[in-house]
Amino acid sequence: MVSNLLRPYRDFAPSYFDDIFIHSRAAGGMTDVEMHLRQVFEVMRENKLYTNLKTCIFYAPEIPVLGGYVSTEGVRADPEKIEAICA
């Protein structure tokens, strides 16, 4: 459901099941990020979807996703998971 609702915004707000990853390049600055947040929050409000603020990460240079970390530099594995495998 979330993926279908956010399809028009997938360039800056891809989703995976009920996780939404809102991102923006620095070129537009904070105004782009804030505009993207407002657009996604409006869709959520219109469809009575809620978020758990305890699990939200705002304005972060890197976020944990599916056992790894994603940033502007790319994707890297979680060091704790690598250590567990090597142990």
PDB file of N, CA and C in Angstrom:
ATOM      1  N   MET A   1       0.818  -1.188   0.000  1.00  0.00           N
ATOM      2  CA  MET A   1       0.000   0.000   0.000  1.00  0.00           C
ATOM      3  C   MET A   1       0.872   1.267   0.000  1.00  0.00           C
ATOM      4  N   VAL A   2       1.862   1.314   0.890  1.00  0.00           N
ATOM      5  CA  VAL A   2       2.731   2.490   0.979  1.00  0.00           C
ATOM      6  C   VAL A   2       3.448   2.718  -0.347  1.00  0.00           C
ATOM      7  N   SER A   3       3.955   1.650  -0.948  1.00  0.00           N
ATOM      8  CA  SER A   3       4.669   1.786  -2.227  1.00  0.00           C
ATOM      9  C   SER A   3       3.777   2.383  -3.302  1.00  0.00           C
ATOM     10  N   ASN A   4       2.527   1.950  -3.356  1.00  0.00           N
ATOM     11  CA  ASN A   4       1.602   2.484  -4.356  1.00  0.00           C
ATOM     12  C   ASN A   4       1.291   3.953  -4.102  1.00  0.00           C
ATOM     13  N   LEU A   5       1.079   4.317  -2.848  1.00  0.00           N
ATOM     14  CA  LEU A   5       0.762   5.709  -2.519  1.00  0.00           C
ATOM     15  C   LEU A   5       1.919   6.647  -2.834  1.00  0.00           C
ATOM     16  N   LEU A   6       3.128   6.167  -2.629  1.00  0.00           N
ATOM     17  CA  LEU A   6       4.303   7.023  -2.813  1.00  0.00           C
ATOM     18  C   LEU A   6       4.960   6.878  -4.184  1.00  0.00           C
ATOM     19  N   ARG A   7       4.353   6.125  -5.066  1.00  0.00           N
ATOM     20  CA  ARG A   7       4.929   5.929  -6.402  1.00  0.00           C
ATOM     21  C   ARG A   7       5.287   7.242  -7.102  1.00  0.00           C
ATOM     22  N   PRO A   8       4.443   8.283  -7.048  1.00  0.00           N
ATOM     23  CA  PRO A   8       4.819   9.538  -7.719  1.00  0.00           C
ATOM     24  C   PRO A   8       6.051  10.219  -7.118  1.00  0.00           C
ATOM     25  N   TYR A   9       6.432   9.814  -5.907  1.00  0.00           N
ATOM     26  CA  TYR A   9       7.545  10.455  -5.211  1.00  0.00           C
ATOM     27  C   TYR A   9       8.761   9.546  -5.102  1.00  0.00           C
ATOM     28  N   ARG A  10       8.778   8.458  -5.823  1.00  0.00           N
ATOM     29  CA  ARG A  10       9.845   7.472  -5.639  1.00  0.00           C
ATOM     30  C   ARG A  10      11.240   7.979  -6.012  1.00  0.00           C
ATOM     31  N   ASP A  11      11.330   9.077  -6.753  1.00  0.00           N
ATOM     32  CA  ASP A  11      12.653   9.647  -7.063  1.00  0.00           C
ATOM     33  C   ASP A  11      13.371  10.113  -5.796  1.00  0.00           C
ATOM     34  N   PHE A  12      12.612  10.592  -4.820  1.00  0.00           N
ATOM     35  CA  PHE A  12      13.229  11.068  -3.582  1.00  0.00           C
ATOM     36  C   PHE A  12      12.686  10.372  -2.332  1.00  0.00           C
ATOM     37  N   ALA A  13      11.697   9.476  -2.493  1.00  0.00           N
ATOM     38  CA  ALA A  13      11.130   8.784  -1.335  1.00  0.00           C
ATOM     39  C   ALA A  13      10.823   7.321  -1.657  1.00  0.00           C
ATOM     40  N   PRO A  14      11.848   6.535  -1.960  1.00  0.00           N
ATOM     41  CA  PRO A  14      11.584   5.110  -2.194  1.00  0.00           C
ATOM     42  C   PRO A  14      11.125   4.453  -0.890  1.00  0.00           C
ATOM     43  N   SER A  15      10.376   3.368  -1.026  1.00  0.00           N
ATOM     44  CA  SER A  15       9.904   2.671   0.172  1.00  0.00           C
ATOM     45  C   SER A  15      10.157   1.180   0.031  1.00  0.00           C
ATOM     46  N   TYR A  16      10.246   0.533   1.178  1.00  0.00           N
ATOM     47  CA  TYR A  16      10.425  -0.915   1.244  1.00  0.00           C
ATOM     48  C   TYR A  16       9.487  -1.395   2.333  1.00  0.00           C
ATOM     49  N   PHE A  17       8.441  -2.093   1.948  1.00  0.00           N
ATOM     50  CA  PHE A  17       7.353  -2.463   2.850  1.00  0.00           C
ATOM     51  C   PHE A  17       6.828  -1.197   3.523  1.00  0.00           C
ATOM     52  N   ASP A  18       7.000  -1.055   4.833  1.00  0.00           N
ATOM     53  CA  ASP A  18       6.483   0.142   5.503  1.00  0.00           C
ATOM     54  C   ASP A  18       7.582   1.145   5.858  1.00  0.00           C
ATOM     55  N   ASP A  19       8.775   0.954   5.316  1.00  0.00           N
ATOM     56  CA  ASP A  19       9.870   1.905   5.530  1.00  0.00           C
ATOM     57  C   ASP A  19       9.935   2.880   4.357  1.00  0.00           C
ATOM     58  N   ILE A  20      10.071   4.156   4.675  1.00  0.00           N
ATOM     59  CA  ILE A  20      10.172   5.194   3.647  1.00  0.00           C
ATOM     60  C   ILE A  20      11.511   5.897   3.823  1.00  0.00           C
ATOM     61  N   PHE A  21      12.257   6.022   2.748  1.00  0.00           N
ATOM     62  CA  PHE A  21      13.578   6.648   2.788  1.00  0.00           C
ATOM     63  C   PHE A  21      13.526   7.951   2.001  1.00  0.00           C
ATOM     64  N   ILE A  22      13.341   9.057   2.692  1.00  0.00           N
ATOM     65  CA  ILE A  22      13.258  10.359   2.035  1.00  0.00           C
ATOM     66  C   ILE A  22      14.667  10.946   1.989  1.00  0.00           C
ATOM     67  N   HIS A  23      15.122  11.271   0.800  1.00  0.00           N
ATOM     68  CA  HIS A  23      16.487  11.773   0.657  1.00  0.00           C
ATOM     69  C   HIS A  23      16.529  12.930  -0.325  1.00  0.00           C
ATOM     70  N   SER A  24      17.611  13.677  -0.265  1.00  0.00           N
ATOM     71  CA  SER A  24      17.787  14.807  -1.159  1.00  0.00           C
ATOM     72  C   SER A  24      19.269  15.104  -1.297  1.00  0.00           C
ATOM     73  N   ARG A  25      19.681  15.478  -2.460  1.00  0.00           N
ATOM     74  CA  ARG A  25      21.065  15.901  -2.681  1.00  0.00           C
ATOM     75  C   ARG A  25      21.249  17.293  -2.094  1.00  0.00           C
ATOM     76  N   ALA A  26      22.451  17.624  -1.758  1.00  0.00           N
ATOM     77  CA  ALA A  26      22.742  18.913  -1.125  1.00  0.00           C
ATOM     78  C   ALA A  26      22.528  20.099  -2.065  1.00  0.00           C
ATOM     79  N   ALA A  27      22.434  19.856  -3.370  1.00  0.00           N
ATOM     80  CA  ALA A  27      22.325  20.948  -4.339  1.00  0.00           C
ATOM     81  C   ALA A  27      21.169  21.889  -4.017  1.00  0.00           C
ATOM     82  N   GLY A  28      20.016  21.324  -3.661  1.00  0.00           N
ATOM     83  CA  GLY A  28      18.854  22.155  -3.349  1.00  0.00           C
ATOM     84  C   GLY A  28      18.830  22.614  -1.907  1.00  0.00           C
ATOM     85  N   GLY A  29      19.709  22.067  -1.113  1.00  0.00           N
ATOM     86  CA  GLY A  29      19.768  22.457   0.292  1.00  0.00           C
ATOM     87  C   GLY A  29      18.595  21.935   1.095  1.00  0.00           C
ATOM     88  N   MET A  30      18.430  22.524   2.258  1.00  0.00           N
ATOM     89  CA  MET A  30      17.393  22.087   3.180  1.00  0.00           C
ATOM     90  C   MET A  30      15.995  22.312   2.630  1.00  0.00           C
ATOM     91  N   THR A  31      15.822  23.290   1.746  1.00  0.00           N
ATOM     92  CA  THR A  31      14.479  23.529   1.230  1.00  0.00           C
ATOM     93  C   THR A  31      13.961  22.317   0.474  1.00  0.00           C
ATOM     94  N   ASP A  32      14.817  21.617  -0.263  1.00  0.00           N
ATOM     95  CA  ASP A  32      14.392  20.401  -0.961  1.00  0.00           C
ATOM     96  C   ASP A  32      13.999  19.317   0.029  1.00  0.00           C
ATOM     97  N   VAL A  33      14.812  19.127   1.046  1.00  0.00           N
ATOM     98  CA  VAL A  33      14.520  18.099   2.046  1.00  0.00           C
ATOM     99  C   VAL A  33      13.190  18.396   2.721  1.00  0.00           C
ATOM    100  N   GLU A  34      12.998  19.631   3.126  1.00  0.00           N
ATOM    101  CA  GLU A  34      11.760  20.007   3.807  1.00  0.00           C
ATOM    102  C   GLU A  34      10.558  19.877   2.883  1.00  0.00           C
ATOM    103  N   MET A  35      10.712  20.230   1.609  1.00  0.00           N
ATOM    104  CA  MET A  35       9.622  20.085   0.650  1.00  0.00           C
ATOM    105  C   MET A  35       9.269  18.609   0.475  1.00  0.00           C
ATOM    106  N   HIS A  36      10.284  17.754   0.369  1.00  0.00           N
ATOM    107  CA  HIS A  36      10.046  16.320   0.221  1.00  0.00           C
ATOM    108  C   HIS A  36       9.347  15.758   1.456  1.00  0.00           C
ATOM    109  N   LEU A  37       9.789  16.156   2.633  1.00  0.00           N
ATOM    110  CA  LEU A  37       9.139  15.707   3.866  1.00  0.00           C
ATOM    111  C   LEU A  37       7.671  16.122   3.884  1.00  0.00           C
ATOM    112  N   ARG A  38       7.406  17.363   3.543  1.00  0.00           N
ATOM    113  CA  ARG A  38       6.017  17.854   3.534  1.00  0.00           C
ATOM    114  C   ARG A  38       5.152  17.058   2.561  1.00  0.00           C
ATOM    115  N   GLN A  39       5.674  16.770   1.373  1.00  0.00           N
ATOM    116  CA  GLN A  39       4.897  16.025   0.381  1.00  0.00           C
ATOM    117  C   GLN A  39       4.562  14.625   0.884  1.00  0.00           C
ATOM    118  N   VAL A  40       5.538  13.942   1.451  1.00  0.00           N
ATOM    119  CA  VAL A  40       5.306  12.585   1.952  1.00  0.00           C
ATOM    120  C   VAL A  40       4.366  12.616   3.151  1.00  0.00           C
ATOM    121  N   PHE A  41       4.571  13.561   4.071  1.00  0.00           N
ATOM    122  CA  PHE A  41       3.690  13.655   5.240  1.00  0.00           C
ATOM    123  C   PHE A  41       2.257  13.964   4.824  1.00  0.00           C
ATOM    124  N   GLU A  42       2.077  14.758   3.783  1.00  0.00           N
ATOM    125  CA  GLU A  42       0.729  15.072   3.301  1.00  0.00           C
ATOM    126  C   GLU A  42       0.041  13.812   2.776  1.00  0.00           C
ATOM    127  N   VAL A  43       0.759  13.013   1.996  1.00  0.00           N
ATOM    128  CA  VAL A  43       0.192  11.748   1.494  1.00  0.00           C
ATOM    129  C   VAL A  43      -0.165  10.842   2.671  1.00  0.00           C
ATOM    130  N   MET A  44       0.713  10.776   3.654  1.00  0.00           N
ATOM    131  CA  MET A  44       0.445   9.947   4.831  1.00  0.00           C
ATOM    132  C   MET A  44      -0.795  10.446   5.566  1.00  0.00           C
ATOM    133  N   ARG A  45      -0.895  11.750   5.762  1.00  0.00           N
ATOM    134  CA  ARG A  45      -2.041  12.337   6.460  1.00  0.00           C
ATOM    135  C   ARG A  45      -3.339  12.042   5.712  1.00  0.00           C
ATOM    136  N   GLU A  46      -3.342  12.239   4.395  1.00  0.00           N
ATOM    137  CA  GLU A  46      -4.542  12.003   3.589  1.00  0.00           C
ATOM    138  C   GLU A  46      -5.017  10.559   3.667  1.00  0.00           C
ATOM    139  N   ASN A  47      -4.083   9.642   3.886  1.00  0.00           N
ATOM    140  CA  ASN A  47      -4.419   8.216   3.916  1.00  0.00           C
ATOM    141  C   ASN A  47      -4.396   7.628   5.326  1.00  0.00           C
ATOM    142  N   LYS A  48      -4.362   8.512   6.310  1.00  0.00           N
ATOM    143  CA  LYS A  48      -4.389   8.107   7.720  1.00  0.00           C
ATOM    144  C   LYS A  48      -3.291   7.101   8.067  1.00  0.00           C
ATOM    145  N   LEU A  49      -2.098   7.374   7.559  1.00  0.00           N
ATOM    146  CA  LEU A  49      -0.924   6.567   7.884  1.00  0.00           C
ATOM    147  C   LEU A  49      -0.114   7.309   8.942  1.00  0.00           C
ATOM    148  N   TYR A  50       0.434   6.562   9.865  1.00  0.00           N
ATOM    149  CA  TYR A  50       1.156   7.171  10.979  1.00  0.00           C
ATOM    150  C   TYR A  50       2.583   6.653  11.028  1.00  0.00           C
ATOM    151  N   THR A  51       3.429   7.401  11.706  1.00  0.00           N
ATOM    152  CA  THR A  51       4.817   7.005  11.860  1.00  0.00           C
ATOM    153  C   THR A  51       5.150   6.870  13.339  1.00  0.00           C
ATOM    154  N   ASN A  52       6.138   6.068  13.627  1.00  0.00           N
ATOM    155  CA  ASN A  52       6.630   5.912  14.990  1.00  0.00           C
ATOM    156  C   ASN A  52       7.876   6.787  15.109  1.00  0.00           C
ATOM    157  N   LEU A  53       7.774   7.878  15.829  1.00  0.00           N
ATOM    158  CA  LEU A  53       8.896   8.818  15.922  1.00  0.00           C
ATOM    159  C   LEU A  53      10.141   8.189  16.523  1.00  0.00           C
ATOM    160  N   LYS A  54       9.983   7.140  17.315  1.00  0.00           N
ATOM    161  CA  LYS A  54      11.146   6.469  17.906  1.00  0.00           C
ATOM    162  C   LYS A  54      12.009   5.789  16.846  1.00  0.00           C
ATOM    163  N   THR A  55      11.414   5.446  15.716  1.00  0.00           N
ATOM    164  CA  THR A  55      12.169   4.760  14.666  1.00  0.00           C
ATOM    165  C   THR A  55      12.574   5.696  13.523  1.00  0.00           C
ATOM    166  N   CYS A  56      12.196   6.962  13.608  1.00  0.00           N
ATOM    167  CA  CYS A  56      12.524   7.922  12.550  1.00  0.00           C
ATOM    168  C   CYS A  56      13.951   8.438  12.705  1.00  0.00           C
ATOM    169  N   ILE A  57      14.591   8.659  11.581  1.00  0.00           N
ATOM    170  CA  ILE A  57      15.924   9.261  11.547  1.00  0.00           C
ATOM    171  C   ILE A  57      15.841  10.446  10.587  1.00  0.00           C
ATOM    172  N   PHE A  58      16.039  11.652  11.106  1.00  0.00           N
ATOM    173  CA  PHE A  58      15.940  12.856  10.291  1.00  0.00           C
ATOM    174  C   PHE A  58      17.313  13.495  10.096  1.00  0.00           C
ATOM    175  N   TYR A  59      17.545  14.024   8.909  1.00  0.00           N
ATOM    176  CA  TYR A  59      18.738  14.806   8.579  1.00  0.00           C
ATOM    177  C   TYR A  59      20.034  14.068   8.907  1.00  0.00           C
ATOM    178  N   ALA A  60      20.089  12.804   8.584  1.00  0.00           N
ATOM    179  CA  ALA A  60      21.279  11.995   8.862  1.00  0.00           C
ATOM    180  C   ALA A  60      22.101  11.812   7.588  1.00  0.00           C
ATOM    181  N   PRO A  61      23.427  11.855   7.688  1.00  0.00           N
ATOM    182  CA  PRO A  61      24.267  11.634   6.512  1.00  0.00           C
ATOM    183  C   PRO A  61      24.326  10.162   6.110  1.00  0.00           C
ATOM    184  N   GLU A  62      23.918   9.268   7.028  1.00  0.00           N
ATOM    185  CA  GLU A  62      23.967   7.826   6.772  1.00  0.00           C
ATOM    186  C   GLU A  62      22.834   7.168   7.566  1.00  0.00           C
ATOM    187  N   ILE A  63      22.176   6.164   6.943  1.00  0.00           N
ATOM    188  CA  ILE A  63      21.093   5.470   7.642  1.00  0.00           C
ATOM    189  C   ILE A  63      21.263   3.958   7.535  1.00  0.00           C
ATOM    190  N   PRO A  64      20.815   3.232   8.567  1.00  0.00           N
ATOM    191  CA  PRO A  64      20.855   1.772   8.499  1.00  0.00           C
ATOM    192  C   PRO A  64      19.692   1.250   7.651  1.00  0.00           C
ATOM    193  N   VAL A  65      20.008   0.386   6.688  1.00  0.00           N
ATOM    194  CA  VAL A  65      18.988  -0.185   5.806  1.00  0.00           C
ATOM    195  C   VAL A  65      19.321  -1.645   5.535  1.00  0.00           C
ATOM    196  N   LEU A  66      18.419  -2.537   5.877  1.00  0.00           N
ATOM    197  CA  LEU A  66      18.544  -3.965   5.550  1.00  0.00           C
ATOM    198  C   LEU A  66      19.912  -4.551   5.897  1.00  0.00           C
ATOM    199  N   GLY A  67      20.397  -4.295   7.093  1.00  0.00           N
ATOM    200  CA  GLY A  67      21.651  -4.890   7.534  1.00  0.00           C
ATOM    201  C   GLY A  67      22.905  -4.189   7.058  1.00  0.00           C
ATOM    202  N   GLY A  68      22.758  -3.039   6.453  1.00  0.00           N
ATOM    203  CA  GLY A  68      23.910  -2.262   6.010  1.00  0.00           C
ATOM    204  C   GLY A  68      23.665  -0.792   6.270  1.00  0.00           C
ATOM    205  N   TYR A  69      24.525   0.042   5.726  1.00  0.00           N
ATOM    206  CA  TYR A  69      24.385   1.488   5.873  1.00  0.00           C
ATOM    207  C   TYR A  69      24.430   2.131   4.492  1.00  0.00           C
ATOM    208  N   VAL A  70      23.552   3.109   4.269  1.00  0.00           N
ATOM    209  CA  VAL A  70      23.479   3.822   2.996  1.00  0.00           C
ATOM    210  C   VAL A  70      23.786   5.291   3.253  1.00  0.00           C
ATOM    211  N   SER A  71      24.649   5.859   2.411  1.00  0.00           N
ATOM    212  CA  SER A  71      24.991   7.280   2.513  1.00  0.00           C
ATOM    213  C   SER A  71      25.246   7.818   1.111  1.00  0.00           C
ATOM    214  N   THR A  72      25.660   9.059   1.032  1.00  0.00           N
ATOM    215  CA  THR A  72      26.006   9.630  -0.275  1.00  0.00           C
ATOM    216  C   THR A  72      27.251   8.968  -0.849  1.00  0.00           C
ATOM    217  N   GLU A  73      28.037   8.332   0.011  1.00  0.00           N
ATOM    218  CA  GLU A  73      29.249   7.628  -0.423  1.00  0.00           C
ATOM    219  C   GLU A  73      28.943   6.253  -1.008  1.00  0.00           C
ATOM    220  N   GLY A  74      27.744   5.741  -0.745  1.00  0.00           N
ATOM    221  CA  GLY A  74      27.370   4.418  -1.236  1.00  0.00           C
ATOM    222  C   GLY A  74      26.826   3.545  -0.124  1.00  0.00           C
ATOM    223  N   VAL A  75      26.989   2.241  -0.290  1.00  0.00           N
ATOM    224  CA  VAL A  75      26.469   1.264   0.664  1.00  0.00           C
ATOM    225  C   VAL A  75      27.643   0.540   1.303  1.00  0.00           C
ATOM    226  N   ARG A  76      27.548   0.317   2.616  1.00  0.00           N
ATOM    227  CA  ARG A  76      28.583  -0.456   3.297  1.00  0.00           C
ATOM    228  C   ARG A  76      27.916  -1.411   4.278  1.00  0.00           C
ATOM    229  N   ALA A  77      28.602  -2.484   4.575  1.00  0.00           N
ATOM    230  CA  ALA A  77      28.081  -3.479   5.510  1.00  0.00           C
ATOM    231  C   ALA A  77      28.157  -2.954   6.935  1.00  0.00           C
ATOM    232  N   ASP A  78      27.297  -3.479   7.786  1.00  0.00           N
ATOM    233  CA  ASP A  78      27.300  -3.142   9.209  1.00  0.00           C
ATOM    234  C   ASP A  78      28.532  -3.779   9.847  1.00  0.00           C
ATOM    235  N   PRO A  79      29.429  -2.987  10.443  1.00  0.00           N
ATOM    236  CA  PRO A  79      30.654  -3.543  11.031  1.00  0.00           C
ATOM    237  C   PRO A  79      30.382  -4.603  12.100  1.00  0.00           C
ATOM    238  N   GLU A  80      29.306  -4.457  12.865  1.00  0.00           N
ATOM    239  CA  GLU A  80      28.971  -5.456  13.886  1.00  0.00           C
ATOM    240  C   GLU A  80      28.638  -6.799  13.247  1.00  0.00           C
ATOM    241  N   LYS A  81      27.960  -6.771  12.121  1.00  0.00           N
ATOM    242  CA  LYS A  81      27.615  -8.018  11.427  1.00  0.00           C
ATOM    243  C   LYS A  81      28.868  -8.672  10.847  1.00  0.00           C
ATOM    244  N   ILE A  82      29.777  -7.872  10.330  1.00  0.00           N
ATOM    245  CA  ILE A  82      31.034  -8.410   9.797  1.00  0.00           C
ATOM    246  C   ILE A  82      31.832  -9.060  10.919  1.00  0.00           C
ATOM    247  N   GLU A  83      31.904  -8.384  12.063  1.00  0.00           N
ATOM    248  CA  GLU A  83      32.644  -8.932  13.201  1.00  0.00           C
ATOM    249  C   GLU A  83      32.026 -10.244  13.678  1.00  0.00           C
ATOM    250  N   ALA A  84      30.704 -10.315  13.700  1.00  0.00           N
ATOM    251  CA  ALA A  84      30.034 -11.541  14.133  1.00  0.00           C
ATOM    252  C   ALA A  84      30.341 -12.696  13.183  1.00  0.00           C
ATOM    253  N   ILE A  85      30.407 -12.414  11.892  1.00  0.00           N
ATOM    254  CA  ILE A  85      30.711 -13.455  10.905  1.00  0.00           C
ATOM    255  C   ILE A  85      32.158 -13.916  11.051  1.00  0.00           C
ATOM    256  N   CYS A  86      33.070 -12.973  11.283  1.00  0.00           N
ATOM    257  CA  CYS A  86      34.496 -13.300  11.391  1.00  0.00           C
ATOM    258  C   CYS A  86      34.855 -13.984  12.710  1.00  0.00           C
ATOM    259  N   ALA A  87      34.024 -13.820  13.722  1.00  0.00           N
ATOM    260  CA  ALA A  87      34.333 -14.386  15.052  1.00  0.00           C
ATOM    261  C   ALA A  87      34.173 -15.889  15.084  1.00  0.00           C
TER     262      ALA A  87
END
